[in-house]
Protein backbone atom coordinates (compact mmCIF):
# COMPACT_ATOMS: atom_id res chain seq x y z
CA UNK A 1 90.80 132.21 -12.22
CA UNK A 2 93.24 133.57 -14.79
CA UNK A 3 93.29 137.04 -13.25
CA UNK A 4 95.27 136.03 -10.16
CA UNK A 5 97.95 134.27 -12.23
CA UNK A 6 98.33 136.87 -14.98
CA UNK A 7 102.05 137.04 -14.13
CA UNK A 8 102.53 133.59 -15.68
CA UNK A 9 101.99 135.00 -19.17
CA UNK A 10 103.02 137.98 -21.24
CA UNK A 11 100.57 140.86 -21.45
CA UNK A 12 100.03 140.17 -25.16
CA UNK A 13 98.91 136.60 -24.50
CA UNK A 14 96.92 136.79 -21.29
CA UNK A 15 93.51 135.19 -20.87
CA UNK A 16 93.53 133.13 -24.07
CA UNK A 17 90.30 131.23 -23.52
CA UNK A 18 87.71 128.99 -25.08
CA UNK A 19 84.26 128.39 -23.67
CA UNK A 20 81.83 125.73 -24.79
CA UNK A 21 79.11 123.60 -23.32
CA UNK A 22 80.44 121.85 -20.26
CA UNK A 23 83.95 123.29 -20.07
CA UNK A 24 86.14 126.39 -20.09
CA UNK A 25 89.84 126.37 -20.98
CA UNK A 26 92.14 129.35 -20.48
CA UNK A 27 95.83 130.23 -20.33
CA UNK A 28 98.14 133.12 -19.61
CA UNK A 29 100.77 132.24 -22.19
CA UNK A 30 104.51 132.81 -22.01
CA UNK A 31 105.24 132.44 -25.71
CA UNK A 32 108.56 130.67 -26.25
CA UNK A 33 107.98 128.32 -29.21
CA UNK A 34 106.20 129.76 -32.29
CA UNK A 35 104.95 132.95 -30.70
CA UNK A 36 102.54 133.89 -33.49
CA UNK A 37 100.87 130.51 -33.97
CA UNK A 38 100.94 129.28 -30.40
CA UNK A 39 97.58 130.52 -29.17
CA UNK A 40 95.92 128.11 -26.77
CA UNK A 41 93.80 126.06 -26.53
CA UNK A 42 94.80 124.06 -29.60
CA UNK A 43 91.88 122.49 -31.48
CA UNK A 44 91.59 119.29 -33.50
CA UNK A 45 90.60 119.77 -37.17
CA UNK A 46 86.96 119.06 -36.28
CA UNK A 47 87.20 121.35 -33.21
CA UNK A 48 85.96 118.50 -31.02
CA UNK A 49 89.20 118.01 -29.06
CA UNK A 50 91.11 120.77 -27.30
CA UNK A 51 94.40 120.92 -25.42
CA UNK A 52 96.16 123.37 -23.10
CA UNK A 53 99.72 122.99 -21.87
CA UNK A 54 101.84 124.71 -19.25
CA UNK A 55 105.53 123.94 -19.64
CA UNK A 56 107.80 122.41 -22.24
CA UNK A 57 107.79 119.05 -24.05
CA UNK A 58 111.46 118.47 -24.79
CA UNK A 59 110.96 115.57 -27.21
CA UNK A 60 108.23 117.29 -29.24
CA UNK A 61 110.33 117.41 -32.42
CA UNK A 62 110.89 113.64 -32.39
CA UNK A 63 107.18 113.04 -31.80
CA UNK A 64 106.29 115.53 -34.53
CA UNK A 65 108.25 113.48 -37.09
CA UNK A 66 106.25 110.37 -36.17
CA UNK A 67 102.95 112.22 -36.39
CA UNK A 68 103.44 114.28 -39.55
CA UNK A 69 101.90 111.68 -41.85
CA UNK A 70 98.83 111.51 -39.62
CA UNK A 71 98.29 115.18 -38.79
CA UNK A 72 98.65 118.49 -40.66
CA UNK A 73 100.49 120.74 -38.21
CA UNK A 74 99.71 124.46 -38.25
CA UNK A 75 102.47 125.51 -35.87
CA UNK A 76 105.81 124.40 -34.45
CA UNK A 77 104.42 124.40 -30.88
CA UNK A 78 104.84 121.52 -28.50
CA UNK A 79 101.23 121.99 -27.36
CA UNK A 80 99.99 121.05 -30.82
CA UNK A 81 102.19 117.94 -30.75
CA UNK A 82 100.44 116.81 -27.57
CA UNK A 83 97.06 117.34 -29.25
CA UNK A 84 98.13 115.49 -32.40
CA UNK A 85 99.62 112.72 -30.28
CA UNK A 86 96.36 112.29 -28.39
CA UNK A 87 94.39 112.11 -31.65
CA UNK A 88 96.71 109.38 -32.95
CA UNK A 89 97.83 107.48 -29.85
CA UNK A 90 95.03 108.24 -27.43
CA UNK A 91 95.95 108.18 -23.77
CA UNK A 92 99.30 106.59 -24.64
CA UNK A 93 100.59 110.07 -25.51
CA UNK A 94 101.15 110.66 -21.80
CA UNK A 95 103.64 107.78 -21.79
CA UNK A 96 105.53 109.30 -24.73
CA UNK A 97 105.99 112.96 -23.82
CA UNK A 98 109.02 114.01 -21.79
CA UNK A 99 109.59 117.37 -20.19
CA UNK A 100 108.11 119.62 -17.55
CA UNK A 101 104.40 120.02 -18.03
CA UNK A 102 100.84 120.17 -16.84
CA UNK A 103 98.39 119.19 -19.60
CA UNK A 104 94.61 119.29 -19.94
CA UNK A 105 92.69 117.72 -22.84
CA UNK A 106 88.95 117.78 -23.48
CA UNK A 107 87.47 115.34 -26.01
CA UNK A 108 83.84 116.23 -26.71
CA UNK A 109 83.48 113.24 -29.05
CA UNK A 110 83.89 110.94 -26.06
CA UNK A 111 82.75 113.35 -23.35
CA UNK A 112 86.15 112.75 -21.76
CA UNK A 113 88.73 115.01 -20.16
CA UNK A 114 92.28 114.38 -19.00
CA UNK A 115 94.77 116.01 -16.67
CA UNK A 116 98.43 114.97 -16.61
CA UNK A 117 101.59 116.15 -14.86
CA UNK A 118 105.31 115.53 -15.38
CA UNK A 119 107.32 112.92 -13.47
CA UNK A 120 108.55 115.16 -10.64
CA UNK A 121 105.96 117.91 -10.62
CA UNK A 122 108.37 120.45 -12.06
CA UNK A 123 105.31 122.28 -13.35
CA UNK A 124 102.54 122.79 -10.80
CA UNK A 125 98.97 121.55 -11.10
CA UNK A 126 96.16 121.95 -8.59
CA UNK A 127 92.56 120.83 -8.89
CA UNK A 128 89.27 120.95 -7.02
CA UNK A 129 85.79 119.53 -7.45
CA UNK A 130 82.33 120.86 -6.86
CA UNK A 131 79.13 118.98 -7.64
CA UNK A 132 79.36 119.59 -11.37
CA UNK A 133 82.88 120.70 -12.22
CA UNK A 134 86.57 119.99 -12.01
CA UNK A 135 88.53 123.21 -11.64
CA UNK A 136 92.28 123.20 -12.26
CA UNK A 137 95.13 125.70 -12.30
CA UNK A 138 98.88 126.16 -12.01
CA UNK A 139 98.61 128.08 -8.74
CA UNK A 140 96.50 128.16 -5.59
CA UNK A 141 95.80 131.86 -6.19
CA UNK A 142 93.37 130.97 -8.96
CA UNK A 143 90.97 129.46 -6.43
CA UNK A 144 90.90 132.60 -4.28
CA UNK A 145 87.32 133.64 -3.58
CA UNK A 146 85.76 130.55 -5.16
CA UNK A 147 83.17 128.54 -3.25
CA UNK A 148 85.18 125.36 -2.83
CA UNK A 149 86.23 123.54 0.31
CA UNK A 150 89.30 121.54 -0.67
CA UNK A 151 92.12 122.07 -3.19
CA UNK A 152 94.27 119.10 -4.16
CA UNK A 153 97.85 118.94 -5.40
CA UNK A 154 97.90 116.77 -8.53
CA UNK A 155 100.29 113.82 -8.03
CA UNK A 156 103.60 113.91 -9.90
CA UNK A 157 103.58 111.69 -12.98
CA UNK A 158 99.87 110.92 -12.74
CA UNK A 159 97.11 110.94 -15.37
CA UNK A 160 93.45 111.59 -14.53
CA UNK A 161 90.52 110.70 -16.77
CA UNK A 162 87.09 112.02 -15.78
CA UNK A 163 87.90 112.26 -12.06
CA UNK A 164 89.60 108.84 -11.88
CA UNK A 165 93.35 108.26 -12.01
CA UNK A 166 94.38 105.98 -14.87
CA UNK A 167 98.08 106.32 -14.03
CA UNK A 168 99.16 106.70 -10.41
CA UNK A 169 101.71 109.19 -9.20
CA UNK A 170 105.40 108.41 -9.62
CA UNK A 171 107.67 107.70 -6.66
CA UNK A 172 111.43 107.44 -7.18
CA UNK A 173 113.60 104.98 -5.25
CA UNK A 174 117.38 104.79 -5.30
CA UNK A 175 119.33 101.59 -5.71
CA UNK A 176 121.19 101.07 -2.43
CA UNK A 177 123.13 98.01 -3.50
CA UNK A 178 126.34 97.81 -5.50
CA UNK A 179 125.55 95.25 -8.17
CA UNK A 180 128.98 95.60 -9.72
CA UNK A 181 127.42 96.87 -12.95
CA UNK A 182 128.93 100.33 -12.67
CA UNK A 183 132.64 101.07 -12.59
CA UNK A 184 133.75 104.59 -11.75
CA UNK A 185 134.84 105.26 -15.32
CA UNK A 186 131.62 103.89 -16.79
CA UNK A 187 129.39 105.88 -14.43
CA UNK A 188 131.33 109.09 -15.11
CA UNK A 189 131.21 108.62 -18.89
CA UNK A 190 127.52 107.77 -18.98
CA UNK A 191 126.76 110.53 -16.48
CA UNK A 192 128.43 113.28 -18.49
CA UNK A 193 126.66 112.07 -21.64
CA UNK A 194 123.26 112.06 -19.91
CA UNK A 195 123.75 115.52 -18.41
CA UNK A 196 124.94 116.93 -21.74
CA UNK A 197 121.79 115.60 -23.37
CA UNK A 198 119.66 117.12 -20.62
CA UNK A 199 121.26 120.54 -21.04
CA UNK A 200 121.16 120.38 -24.85
CA UNK A 201 117.41 119.82 -25.02
CA UNK A 202 116.80 122.87 -22.80
CA UNK A 203 118.97 125.37 -24.71
CA UNK A 204 117.55 128.11 -26.94
CA UNK A 205 117.82 128.00 -30.70
CA UNK A 206 121.14 128.40 -32.47
CA UNK A 207 122.39 131.98 -32.34
CA UNK A 208 120.11 133.08 -29.49
CA UNK A 209 121.52 134.15 -26.12
CA UNK A 210 121.22 131.59 -23.33
CA UNK A 211 120.85 132.65 -19.68
CA UNK A 212 122.03 130.72 -16.63
CA UNK A 213 121.29 131.31 -12.95
CA UNK A 214 124.64 131.02 -11.19
CA UNK A 215 125.59 130.74 -7.53
CA UNK A 216 129.17 129.69 -8.16
CA UNK A 217 128.59 126.28 -6.56
CA UNK A 218 129.36 123.04 -8.35
CA UNK A 219 125.71 122.50 -9.39
CA UNK A 220 125.05 125.73 -11.28
CA UNK A 221 128.67 126.02 -12.43
CA UNK A 222 128.42 122.59 -14.06
CA UNK A 223 125.29 123.65 -15.93
CA UNK A 224 126.98 126.88 -17.05
CA UNK A 225 130.05 124.94 -18.18
CA UNK A 226 127.98 122.56 -20.31
CA UNK A 227 125.93 125.42 -21.72
CA UNK A 228 129.12 127.19 -22.76
CA UNK A 229 130.46 124.03 -24.41
CA UNK A 230 127.23 122.95 -26.12
CA UNK A 231 125.33 126.08 -27.11
CA UNK A 232 125.86 127.50 -30.58
CA UNK A 233 125.41 131.05 -29.42
CA UNK A 234 126.28 133.46 -26.59
CA UNK A 235 125.82 132.48 -22.94
CA UNK A 236 125.39 134.91 -20.04
CA UNK A 237 125.31 134.19 -16.30
CA UNK A 238 123.35 135.95 -13.55
CA UNK A 239 124.21 135.96 -9.87
CA UNK A 240 122.69 137.53 -6.78
CA UNK A 241 124.64 139.18 -3.97
CA UNK A 242 124.72 141.88 -1.32
CA UNK A 243 127.04 144.62 -2.52
CA UNK A 244 127.09 146.15 0.97
CA UNK A 245 128.38 142.97 2.63
CA UNK A 246 132.03 142.62 3.54
CA UNK A 247 132.12 139.47 1.41
CA UNK A 248 129.93 137.32 -0.82
CA UNK A 249 131.19 133.79 -1.34
CA UNK A 250 128.80 133.22 -4.25
CA UNK A 251 129.87 136.34 -6.12
CA UNK A 252 133.57 135.58 -5.76
CA UNK A 253 133.04 132.01 -6.96
CA UNK A 254 130.80 133.14 -9.81
CA UNK A 255 133.53 135.50 -11.02
CA UNK A 256 136.05 132.64 -11.03
CA UNK A 257 133.95 130.25 -13.12
CA UNK A 258 132.82 133.00 -15.52
CA UNK A 259 136.39 134.13 -16.09
CA UNK A 260 137.41 130.50 -16.63
CA UNK A 261 134.67 130.06 -19.26
CA UNK A 262 134.88 133.58 -20.72
CA UNK A 263 131.19 134.13 -19.95
CA UNK A 264 129.87 137.60 -19.03
CA UNK A 265 128.49 137.86 -15.50
CA UNK A 266 125.55 140.11 -14.68
CA UNK A 267 124.83 140.86 -11.03
CA UNK A 268 121.63 141.54 -9.12
CA UNK A 269 122.12 143.63 -5.97
CA UNK A 270 118.88 144.47 -4.15
CA UNK A 271 119.03 146.27 -0.83
CA UNK A 272 117.99 144.76 2.50
CA UNK A 273 114.95 147.04 2.51
CA UNK A 274 113.83 145.99 -0.97
CA UNK A 275 114.03 142.32 0.01
CA UNK A 276 112.33 142.62 3.38
CA UNK A 277 109.55 144.91 2.13
CA UNK A 278 108.77 142.48 -0.69
CA UNK A 279 108.82 139.59 1.79
CA UNK A 280 106.28 141.26 4.05
CA UNK A 281 104.01 142.50 1.25
CA UNK A 282 104.06 139.65 -1.27
CA UNK A 283 106.26 136.79 -0.05
CA UNK A 284 103.57 134.33 1.07
CA UNK A 285 101.15 135.33 -1.69
CA UNK A 286 103.83 134.71 -4.31
CA UNK A 287 105.27 131.50 -2.87
CA UNK A 288 102.03 129.91 -1.60
CA UNK A 289 103.69 128.49 1.49
CA UNK A 290 104.19 129.55 5.09
CA UNK A 291 107.59 127.86 5.42
CA UNK A 292 110.11 130.62 6.29
CA UNK A 293 113.02 128.92 4.50
CA UNK A 294 111.06 128.69 1.25
CA UNK A 295 109.68 132.23 1.40
CA UNK A 296 113.14 133.67 2.15
CA UNK A 297 114.73 131.85 -0.78
CA UNK A 298 111.81 132.68 -3.03
CA UNK A 299 112.17 136.42 -2.45
CA UNK A 300 115.85 136.33 -3.35
CA UNK A 301 115.17 134.05 -6.32
CA UNK A 302 112.45 136.39 -7.53
CA UNK A 303 114.76 139.42 -7.62
CA UNK A 304 117.24 137.37 -9.65
CA UNK A 305 114.45 136.19 -11.97
CA UNK A 306 113.07 139.70 -12.40
CA UNK A 307 116.42 140.99 -13.62
CA UNK A 308 116.72 138.15 -16.14
CA UNK A 309 113.17 138.78 -17.34
CA UNK A 310 113.76 142.54 -17.54
CA UNK A 311 116.78 141.85 -19.75
CA UNK A 312 114.46 140.24 -22.29
CA UNK A 313 114.83 136.54 -21.50
CA UNK A 314 111.80 134.27 -21.37
CA UNK A 315 113.64 131.35 -19.78
CA UNK A 316 116.87 130.49 -18.01
CA UNK A 317 118.63 127.31 -16.93
CA UNK A 318 119.24 126.56 -13.27
CA UNK A 319 121.00 124.04 -11.02
CA UNK A 320 117.90 123.24 -8.95
CA UNK A 321 117.43 119.60 -8.01
CA UNK A 322 121.08 118.53 -7.93
CA UNK A 323 121.15 118.11 -4.15
CA UNK A 324 118.08 115.88 -4.19
CA UNK A 325 119.31 113.69 -7.06
CA UNK A 326 122.99 113.54 -6.13
CA UNK A 327 122.89 113.50 -2.33
CA UNK A 328 124.15 117.03 -1.77
CA UNK A 329 122.80 117.94 1.66
CA UNK A 330 125.19 117.58 4.60
CA UNK A 331 122.63 115.87 6.80
CA UNK A 332 122.36 112.88 4.43
CA UNK A 333 125.78 111.69 5.60
CA UNK A 334 124.61 111.55 9.23
CA UNK A 335 122.12 108.76 8.63
CA UNK A 336 123.13 105.11 9.00
CA UNK A 337 124.50 103.91 5.67
CA UNK A 338 121.46 101.77 4.93
CA UNK A 339 119.15 104.79 5.37
CA UNK A 340 121.00 107.37 3.27
CA UNK A 341 119.44 106.55 -0.09
CA UNK A 342 116.01 106.21 1.49
CA UNK A 343 116.27 109.80 2.73
CA UNK A 344 117.70 111.10 -0.54
CA UNK A 345 114.72 109.52 -2.30
CA UNK A 346 112.35 111.14 0.16
CA UNK A 347 113.87 114.57 -0.51
CA UNK A 348 113.58 114.00 -4.28
CA UNK A 349 109.94 112.92 -4.10
CA UNK A 350 109.10 115.94 -1.92
CA UNK A 351 110.67 118.46 -4.30
CA UNK A 352 107.36 119.57 -5.76
CA UNK A 353 106.33 120.67 -2.26
CA UNK A 354 109.64 122.38 -1.46
CA UNK A 355 112.26 123.90 -3.74
CA UNK A 356 110.53 123.22 -7.05
CA UNK A 357 107.51 125.07 -5.72
CA UNK A 358 109.76 127.92 -4.61
CA UNK A 359 111.53 128.01 -7.99
CA UNK A 360 108.34 128.01 -10.05
CA UNK A 361 106.48 130.65 -8.06
CA UNK A 362 109.43 133.02 -7.67
CA UNK A 363 110.42 132.88 -11.33
CA UNK A 364 106.95 132.88 -12.86
CA UNK A 365 106.00 135.85 -10.66
CA UNK A 366 108.55 137.61 -12.88
CA UNK A 367 107.18 135.91 -16.03
CA UNK A 368 110.32 133.80 -16.39
CA UNK A 369 110.46 130.07 -17.04
CA UNK A 370 113.24 128.15 -15.29
CA UNK A 371 114.53 124.92 -16.83
CA UNK A 372 116.19 122.33 -14.61
CA UNK A 373 118.57 119.85 -16.32
CA UNK A 374 119.23 117.92 -13.09
CA UNK A 375 115.57 116.87 -13.11
CA UNK A 376 115.56 115.61 -16.69
CA UNK A 377 113.75 112.27 -16.69
CA UNK A 378 116.58 110.25 -18.26
CA UNK A 379 119.21 111.82 -15.99
CA UNK A 380 117.15 111.13 -12.86
CA UNK A 381 116.43 107.54 -13.88
CA UNK A 382 120.15 106.95 -14.52
CA UNK A 383 121.06 108.25 -11.07
CA UNK A 384 118.49 106.07 -9.33
CA UNK A 385 120.17 103.01 -10.87
CA UNK A 386 123.54 103.86 -9.36
CA UNK A 387 124.57 102.50 -5.96
CA UNK A 388 124.96 104.97 -3.11
CA UNK A 389 128.75 105.22 -3.38
CA UNK A 390 128.28 107.38 -6.47
CA UNK A 391 126.32 109.89 -4.42
CA UNK A 392 128.35 110.00 -1.20
CA UNK A 393 131.83 108.51 -0.88
CA UNK A 394 134.42 109.10 1.85
CA UNK A 395 132.46 112.09 3.18
CA UNK A 396 132.34 113.67 -0.28
CA UNK A 397 128.80 114.38 -1.42
CA UNK A 398 127.75 114.61 -5.07
CA UNK A 399 130.74 112.38 -5.81
CA UNK A 400 129.61 111.59 -9.36
CA UNK A 401 129.09 115.20 -10.44
CA UNK A 402 132.32 116.44 -8.88
CA UNK A 403 134.27 113.75 -10.70
CA UNK A 404 132.39 114.23 -13.97
CA UNK A 405 133.55 117.84 -13.96
CA UNK A 406 137.16 117.20 -12.88
CA UNK A 407 138.62 118.30 -16.23
CA UNK A 408 136.09 120.99 -17.01
CA UNK A 409 136.27 123.48 -14.13
CA UNK A 410 138.72 124.76 -11.51
CA UNK A 411 139.00 122.60 -8.40
CA UNK A 412 138.11 125.56 -6.18
CA UNK A 413 134.65 125.53 -7.78
CA UNK A 414 134.34 121.76 -8.18
CA UNK A 415 135.06 121.15 -4.49
CA UNK A 416 133.16 124.12 -3.12
CA UNK A 417 130.84 123.28 -0.19
CA UNK A 418 127.14 124.07 -0.31
CA UNK A 419 125.87 127.37 1.09
CA UNK A 420 122.29 128.56 1.41
CA UNK A 421 121.25 131.16 -1.16
CA UNK A 422 121.04 134.12 1.20
CA UNK A 423 124.14 133.15 3.15
CA UNK A 424 126.23 132.69 0.02
CA UNK A 425 125.01 136.00 -1.36
CA UNK A 426 126.09 137.86 1.78
CA UNK A 427 122.62 138.52 3.19
CA UNK A 428 123.27 136.62 6.40
CA UNK A 429 122.32 133.24 7.75
CA UNK A 430 119.10 131.43 6.91
CA UNK A 431 118.96 129.99 10.43
CA UNK A 432 115.86 130.95 12.44
CA UNK A 433 116.41 134.15 14.37
CA UNK A 434 119.38 135.26 12.29
CA UNK A 435 118.02 136.13 8.85
CA UNK A 436 117.30 139.67 7.68
CA UNK A 437 113.69 138.62 7.18
CA UNK A 438 113.26 137.34 10.73
CA UNK A 439 114.67 140.58 12.06
CA UNK A 440 112.42 142.69 9.82
CA UNK A 441 109.27 140.88 10.93
CA UNK A 442 110.32 141.03 14.58
CA UNK A 443 110.68 144.78 14.20
CA UNK A 444 107.32 144.98 12.44
CA UNK A 445 105.57 143.29 15.35
CA UNK A 446 107.39 145.47 17.88
CA UNK A 447 105.96 148.56 16.20
CA UNK A 448 102.53 146.91 15.73
CA UNK A 449 101.82 144.98 18.96
CA UNK A 450 98.09 144.90 18.28
CA UNK A 451 98.73 143.12 15.00
CA UNK A 452 100.86 140.57 16.82
CA UNK A 453 98.02 139.89 19.27
CA UNK A 454 95.51 139.58 16.44
CA UNK A 455 97.73 137.17 14.52
CA UNK A 456 98.31 134.98 17.58
CA UNK A 457 94.56 134.88 18.14
CA UNK A 458 94.05 133.80 14.53
CA UNK A 459 96.59 131.01 14.92
CA UNK A 460 94.82 129.70 18.01
CA UNK A 461 91.94 128.56 15.79
CA UNK A 462 94.30 126.33 13.79
CA UNK A 463 96.36 124.76 16.58
CA UNK A 464 94.67 121.40 16.34
CA UNK A 465 95.95 120.72 12.81
CA UNK A 466 98.92 123.06 12.26
CA UNK A 467 102.15 123.09 14.24
CA UNK A 468 103.25 126.73 14.31
CA UNK A 469 105.97 128.00 16.64
CA UNK A 470 104.24 130.95 18.29
CA UNK A 471 107.54 132.18 19.70
CA UNK A 472 108.85 132.62 16.14
CA UNK A 473 107.46 135.88 14.69
CA UNK A 474 108.36 134.85 11.15
CA UNK A 475 106.26 131.67 11.39
CA UNK A 476 103.38 133.57 12.96
CA UNK A 477 103.45 136.28 10.30
CA UNK A 478 103.68 133.84 7.37
CA UNK A 479 100.98 131.50 8.57
CA UNK A 480 98.50 134.30 9.15
CA UNK A 481 99.07 135.60 5.64
CA UNK A 482 98.65 132.01 4.38
CA UNK A 483 95.25 131.87 6.09
CA UNK A 484 94.20 135.25 4.69
CA UNK A 485 94.95 134.11 1.14
CA UNK A 486 92.79 130.99 1.52
CA UNK A 487 95.70 128.60 1.06
CA UNK A 488 94.69 126.41 4.02
CA UNK A 489 92.13 124.87 1.65
CA UNK A 490 95.05 122.92 0.17
CA UNK A 491 94.76 119.35 1.41
CA UNK A 492 97.87 118.35 3.34
CA UNK A 493 99.01 121.91 3.96
CA UNK A 494 99.35 121.06 7.65
CA UNK A 495 102.20 118.65 6.81
CA UNK A 496 105.45 120.58 7.06
CA UNK A 497 108.68 119.49 5.37
CA UNK A 498 111.76 119.93 7.54
CA UNK A 499 113.89 122.40 5.61
CA UNK A 500 116.27 123.75 8.22
CA UNK A 501 119.55 121.85 7.98
CA UNK A 502 120.66 122.78 11.49
CA UNK A 503 117.45 121.38 12.96
CA UNK A 504 117.78 118.22 10.90
CA UNK A 505 121.35 117.64 11.99
CA UNK A 506 120.40 118.21 15.62
CA UNK A 507 117.51 115.74 15.35
CA UNK A 508 119.66 113.07 13.71
CA UNK A 509 122.61 113.35 16.07
CA UNK A 510 120.65 113.58 19.34
């Protein structure tokens, strides 16, 4: 299972495993905290309890202080804190840890095992059962070739104990009433404090260089601004654009904010051919979805991630999640007022199936961890308490964030409208039929008509459960690759999120 996800760990720390009667644990480790002593699984002193962790526990230092008198730590790793916390608190440890994580614990003393996942599913976790075993992994690829019928996506925020959920999945809801509790000034002051705290806990150690993924929009520019103000060390920004395009809105905006902050800007400029070849060869395998919008963005995101990883970084901060927390998509404003927050909440709760999935797969395929301050648990909870007028007001979306940053960045950046990643980078529209990827696959099928016929025949066997537009070559191509990789074993994979803004707007207004 580890072989197919070797990209998630460094070559020096791949396939760290432990096998014993009744269970096997293994990781491909990306060593960020305590590289030398961080080998997983972590064992209890009597070797009866073991723990593996994918992700980061941001409050591990606070928990460590509480546990030091009960446990002799051998490392500074957050994984060991989870183990020590389980030994002291039992299952309550899952209520105490905050961060982005998927955790597995096996307790041979009690013949008990646990799986747990963070509140929004920032880190992936899949599982499957056969008659005797529970198999789990961070990616669907791990199950390739195994004799199992159904793969399940572990619910966000849930805890499982021996096949039964002891904590259900989490579902966020936004307050859609103005209780009068929050004035503008109060919300702005608390908001900036919460976001600063979120960014601070995700920064590298003092003196180390911090990397930020930057589009030049208000979301990523706000994160870069706070990184520059809070980090006790250098900060560098990375942006992605088409150097052959007549213009790139993202690149021009990124230059403005970087000059304003005196932050160096590094650029990633792949060619059309590099992007489209990667899309055709590895896009669906990497991203584990057949949704064209997600695969397109994932390919671009991967090239950006690969450059950051090649430059020696193990993690970077990103502006992902801001639109879903702050009401940033244009189509939100088209709903009746009493339905806006309901739809923002739906987008937030679906993130683990959409852009979080894209972010994780694209970055980890380059062995890079991406940290997302806008999805910090305290920041998200704060935003759900606010009435809708702090998300959208007078046709201005992300009202709170834009006003939080009013004194910290140029207005041209603060008020910049949202653009899709490929469009902003100068690689053309993401709309169906207009993207460079759609055109590349159309050309591929024109030169390989027999392959087109074979793929359409394959799709015909799935028509009953999957809604695929057979007139769209990109959908046909992606779905057939999805079938080949065995990803249709994922329960619920027939349910498609609507990701195309133009289609959404058309559906709402008609």
